[in-house]
Amino acid sequence: MNIILERVCNVCKTVQESSPDITNFKQLIKLTRKTFKDHRFDIAIKTRKDKDLDSDKWYVMAYYDSENDFNMETAIEVIVHHNLTGTEQFGSHQIKSFLMEIFDATVHEFRHQYQSMRRDHNEYIEHVDVTPYDKYLANQDELDAYAFSIAIELLRTLEPARARRNLSRISIMSKMRTGAVYTSPTLRAYIGHFGMNEITKKLAKKIHRHLESIDKKYIFM
């Protein structure tokens, strides 16, 4: 996965370096699409207006389609949900925040692509007698992909050895903050939802493995 991390990181760095000090949402989306294409990524980057959001808010979601991948069609779709006019100014801080979300969402879906390719694009199905959202979070593919995302979030502020040591106290670790935000919002969400149980113990083991394998220099930060 380090090869993909490096490639996506290079895209985000290129967009950051190519952007003027002040840009706007429309220009940033256009440049991001172009740069992914220039780096030979077959990814659909879309925007979706959401009037329920505050006028200055946005967030990024992404999806992987194994059937499209099998048929050699565009398999990863990145959607930026927003309630912007498109002309709002984005300074260097907003540009960086935007690209970090693009990076995190994109590499998460590439992790799903890796999982799918390893089983010849057959879907993973697990029968667990829990609510649908619990089933989604406890699914082995999602546990692995979210552990991958959590490792990336932790490595942005912690050295790998320290992050691995702190996993023995994962509940406390989930409450760590970097400034006003959680060091790993994804870890906080998992522990907040499940508490400490067999699922979060499995999650901790997977995070540990990803912390050992991810090369920190390929994380956009």
Protein backbone atom coordinates (compact mmCIF):
# COMPACT_ATOMS: atom_id res chain seq x y z
CA MET A 1 0.00 0.00 0.00
CA ASN A 2 2.96 2.35 0.36
CA ILE A 3 3.14 2.72 -3.41
CA ILE A 4 -0.46 3.97 -3.52
CA LEU A 5 0.13 6.20 -0.49
CA GLU A 6 3.13 7.74 -2.22
CA ARG A 7 1.24 8.34 -5.47
CA VAL A 8 -1.80 9.93 -3.80
CA CYS A 9 0.47 11.96 -1.54
CA ASN A 10 2.32 13.27 -4.61
CA VAL A 11 -1.00 14.34 -6.15
CA CYS A 12 -1.99 16.24 -3.01
CA LYS A 13 1.44 17.87 -2.75
CA THR A 14 1.26 18.92 -6.40
CA VAL A 15 -2.17 20.48 -5.90
CA GLN A 16 -0.93 22.27 -2.78
CA GLU A 17 2.18 23.59 -4.51
CA SER A 18 0.28 24.59 -7.66
CA SER A 19 -2.45 26.46 -5.81
CA PRO A 20 -2.11 30.22 -5.29
CA ASP A 21 -2.04 31.45 -1.68
CA ILE A 22 -5.72 32.30 -2.05
CA THR A 23 -8.03 30.28 -4.30
CA ASN A 24 -11.68 29.32 -4.30
CA PHE A 25 -13.65 26.10 -4.06
CA LYS A 26 -14.38 25.76 -7.80
CA GLN A 27 -10.75 26.33 -8.77
CA LEU A 28 -9.51 23.88 -6.13
CA ILE A 29 -11.88 21.14 -7.32
CA LYS A 30 -10.84 21.74 -10.94
CA LEU A 31 -7.13 21.58 -10.10
CA THR A 32 -7.58 18.45 -7.98
CA ARG A 33 -9.42 16.62 -10.79
CA LYS A 34 -6.78 17.62 -13.33
CA THR A 35 -3.87 16.59 -11.11
CA PHE A 36 -5.29 13.14 -10.39
CA LYS A 37 -5.81 12.69 -14.14
CA ASP A 38 -2.28 13.91 -14.90
CA HIS A 39 -0.95 11.31 -12.44
CA ARG A 40 -2.90 8.60 -14.31
CA PHE A 41 -5.56 7.93 -11.68
CA ASP A 42 -8.95 6.74 -12.90
CA ILE A 43 -10.99 8.40 -10.15
CA ALA A 44 -14.27 10.31 -10.36
CA ILE A 45 -14.17 13.48 -8.24
CA LYS A 46 -17.61 15.03 -7.88
CA THR A 47 -19.30 17.74 -5.84
CA ARG A 48 -22.76 17.57 -4.31
CA LYS A 49 -24.70 20.54 -2.96
CA ASP A 50 -26.22 19.85 0.46
CA LYS A 51 -28.47 22.65 1.65
CA ASP A 52 -28.70 21.09 5.13
CA LEU A 53 -25.05 22.03 5.73
CA ASP A 54 -24.01 25.43 7.05
CA SER A 55 -23.05 27.81 4.23
CA ASP A 56 -19.31 27.46 4.95
CA LYS A 57 -19.20 23.69 5.55
CA TRP A 58 -18.06 20.76 3.43
CA TYR A 59 -16.90 17.16 3.90
CA VAL A 60 -15.52 14.38 1.70
CA MET A 61 -16.92 10.87 1.16
CA ALA A 62 -15.61 8.17 -1.17
CA TYR A 63 -16.84 4.85 -2.49
CA TYR A 64 -15.32 1.78 -4.13
CA ASP A 65 -17.28 -0.37 -6.61
CA SER A 66 -15.78 -3.85 -7.02
CA GLU A 67 -18.08 -4.67 -9.97
CA ASN A 68 -16.89 -1.59 -11.86
CA ASP A 69 -13.32 -2.54 -11.03
CA PHE A 70 -13.84 -6.06 -12.37
CA ASN A 71 -15.31 -4.57 -15.58
CA MET A 72 -12.35 -2.18 -15.88
CA GLU A 73 -14.57 0.87 -15.32
CA THR A 74 -14.00 3.74 -12.88
CA ALA A 75 -14.10 2.06 -9.48
CA ILE A 76 -13.48 4.89 -7.01
CA GLU A 77 -15.76 7.88 -6.64
CA VAL A 78 -14.89 10.81 -4.38
CA ILE A 79 -17.74 13.18 -3.51
CA VAL A 80 -17.27 16.56 -1.84
CA HIS A 81 -20.51 17.46 -0.07
CA HIS A 82 -20.86 21.20 0.47
CA ASN A 83 -23.13 24.20 0.77
CA LEU A 84 -20.82 26.71 -0.89
CA THR A 85 -21.37 29.08 -3.78
CA GLY A 86 -17.98 28.04 -5.16
CA THR A 87 -16.42 31.49 -5.01
CA GLU A 88 -15.56 31.48 -1.29
CA GLN A 89 -11.87 32.08 -0.68
CA PHE A 90 -9.70 29.17 0.43
CA GLY A 91 -6.42 30.11 2.08
CA SER A 92 -3.47 27.78 2.70
CA HIS A 93 -5.04 26.27 5.84
CA GLN A 94 -8.32 25.42 4.08
CA ILE A 95 -6.45 24.05 1.05
CA LYS A 96 -4.39 21.76 3.28
CA SER A 97 -7.48 20.60 5.22
CA PHE A 98 -9.30 19.88 1.96
CA LEU A 99 -6.39 17.86 0.55
CA MET A 100 -5.97 15.87 3.77
CA GLU A 101 -9.61 14.83 3.52
CA ILE A 102 -9.18 13.95 -0.16
CA PHE A 103 -6.07 11.92 0.68
CA ASP A 104 -7.69 10.05 3.58
CA ALA A 105 -10.90 9.23 1.71
CA THR A 106 -9.07 8.14 -1.46
CA VAL A 107 -6.51 5.83 0.17
CA HIS A 108 -9.27 4.28 2.32
CA GLU A 109 -11.03 3.21 -0.89
CA PHE A 110 -7.78 1.99 -2.41
CA ARG A 111 -7.48 -0.26 0.65
CA HIS A 112 -10.89 -1.68 -0.26
CA GLN A 113 -9.69 -2.19 -3.82
CA TYR A 114 -6.67 -4.11 -2.48
CA GLN A 115 -9.00 -6.32 -0.40
CA SER A 116 -11.28 -6.95 -3.38
CA MET A 117 -8.43 -7.80 -5.76
CA ARG A 118 -7.03 -10.33 -3.30
CA ARG A 119 -10.27 -12.32 -3.51
CA ASP A 120 -10.83 -11.83 -7.27
CA HIS A 121 -13.50 -9.15 -6.68
CA ASN A 122 -15.84 -11.46 -4.78
CA GLU A 123 -17.80 -9.50 -2.19
CA TYR A 124 -17.14 -10.14 1.50
CA ILE A 125 -20.27 -11.19 3.38
CA GLU A 126 -20.34 -11.84 7.12
CA HIS A 127 -23.44 -12.97 8.97
CA VAL A 128 -23.56 -11.22 12.34
CA ASP A 129 -26.71 -10.84 14.42
CA VAL A 130 -26.37 -7.10 15.09
CA THR A 131 -27.93 -3.87 13.83
CA PRO A 132 -27.04 -2.82 10.25
CA TYR A 133 -24.66 -0.01 11.32
CA ASP A 134 -22.92 -2.31 13.79
CA LYS A 135 -22.64 -4.92 11.06
CA TYR A 136 -21.07 -2.39 8.71
CA LEU A 137 -18.47 -1.27 11.28
CA ALA A 138 -17.72 -4.84 12.39
CA ASN A 139 -17.33 -6.17 8.84
CA GLN A 140 -13.79 -7.49 8.40
CA ASP A 141 -13.17 -5.32 5.33
CA GLU A 142 -14.25 -2.18 7.17
CA LEU A 143 -12.29 -3.07 10.30
CA ASP A 144 -9.18 -3.42 8.18
CA ALA A 145 -9.79 -0.28 6.10
CA TYR A 146 -10.67 1.85 9.13
CA ALA A 147 -7.65 0.49 11.00
CA PHE A 148 -5.61 1.63 7.99
CA SER A 149 -7.22 5.09 8.21
CA ILE A 150 -6.68 5.28 11.98
CA ALA A 151 -2.99 4.40 11.59
CA ILE A 152 -2.63 7.26 9.09
CA GLU A 153 -4.36 9.70 11.46
CA LEU A 154 -2.12 8.65 14.36
CA LEU A 155 1.08 8.85 12.31
CA ARG A 156 0.35 12.48 11.47
CA THR A 157 1.16 13.45 15.06
CA LEU A 158 2.90 10.45 16.67
CA GLU A 159 6.02 8.47 15.91
CA PRO A 160 5.23 4.84 14.98
CA ALA A 161 6.85 3.32 18.09
CA ARG A 162 4.90 5.60 20.43
CA ALA A 163 1.64 4.96 18.59
CA ARG A 164 2.14 1.19 18.86
CA ARG A 165 2.93 1.41 22.59
CA ASN A 166 -0.17 3.49 23.27
CA LEU A 167 -2.42 0.92 21.60
CA SER A 168 -2.27 -1.12 24.82
CA ARG A 169 -4.42 1.69 26.26
CA ILE A 170 -6.59 2.18 23.20
CA SER A 171 -9.54 3.63 25.14
CA ILE A 172 -7.33 6.39 26.58
CA MET A 173 -5.61 6.83 23.23
CA SER A 174 -8.97 7.44 21.56
CA LYS A 175 -9.38 10.56 23.73
CA MET A 176 -6.03 12.11 22.73
CA ARG A 177 -6.32 15.51 21.14
CA THR A 178 -4.15 17.54 18.80
CA GLY A 179 -5.20 21.06 19.56
CA ALA A 180 -9.00 21.23 19.53
CA VAL A 181 -9.57 18.01 17.56
CA TYR A 182 -9.09 14.33 18.32
CA THR A 183 -5.75 12.92 17.16
CA SER A 184 -7.72 10.12 15.49
CA PRO A 185 -11.39 11.04 14.98
CA THR A 186 -11.99 7.61 13.44
CA LEU A 187 -10.62 5.77 16.48
CA ARG A 188 -12.68 8.01 18.76
CA ALA A 189 -15.81 7.14 16.77
CA TYR A 190 -15.15 3.37 16.99
CA ILE A 191 -14.48 3.39 20.74
CA GLY A 192 -17.42 5.74 21.28
CA HIS A 193 -19.71 3.36 19.40
CA PHE A 194 -18.52 -0.03 20.66
CA GLY A 195 -16.60 0.70 23.86
CA MET A 196 -14.07 -2.00 24.67
CA ASN A 197 -15.15 -5.35 23.27
CA GLU A 198 -13.94 -8.07 20.90
CA ILE A 199 -14.46 -5.83 17.87
CA THR A 200 -12.25 -3.03 19.18
CA LYS A 201 -9.64 -5.57 20.30
CA LYS A 202 -9.51 -6.85 16.71
CA LEU A 203 -9.34 -3.25 15.53
CA ALA A 204 -6.33 -2.56 17.79
CA LYS A 205 -4.44 -5.55 16.35
CA LYS A 206 -5.10 -4.39 12.81
CA ILE A 207 -4.03 -0.82 13.64
CA HIS A 208 -0.78 -2.20 15.09
CA ARG A 209 -0.06 -4.11 11.86
CA HIS A 210 -0.70 -1.02 9.74
CA LEU A 211 1.50 1.11 11.99
CA GLU A 212 4.31 -1.36 11.30
CA SER A 213 3.82 -1.37 7.53
CA ILE A 214 2.94 2.24 6.61
CA ASP A 215 5.84 4.52 5.69
CA LYS A 216 5.09 7.83 7.40
CA LYS A 217 6.83 9.87 4.72
CA TYR A 218 4.07 8.95 2.25
CA ILE A 219 1.28 10.43 4.37
CA PHE A 220 0.03 13.84 3.25
CA MET A 221 0.13 16.18 6.22
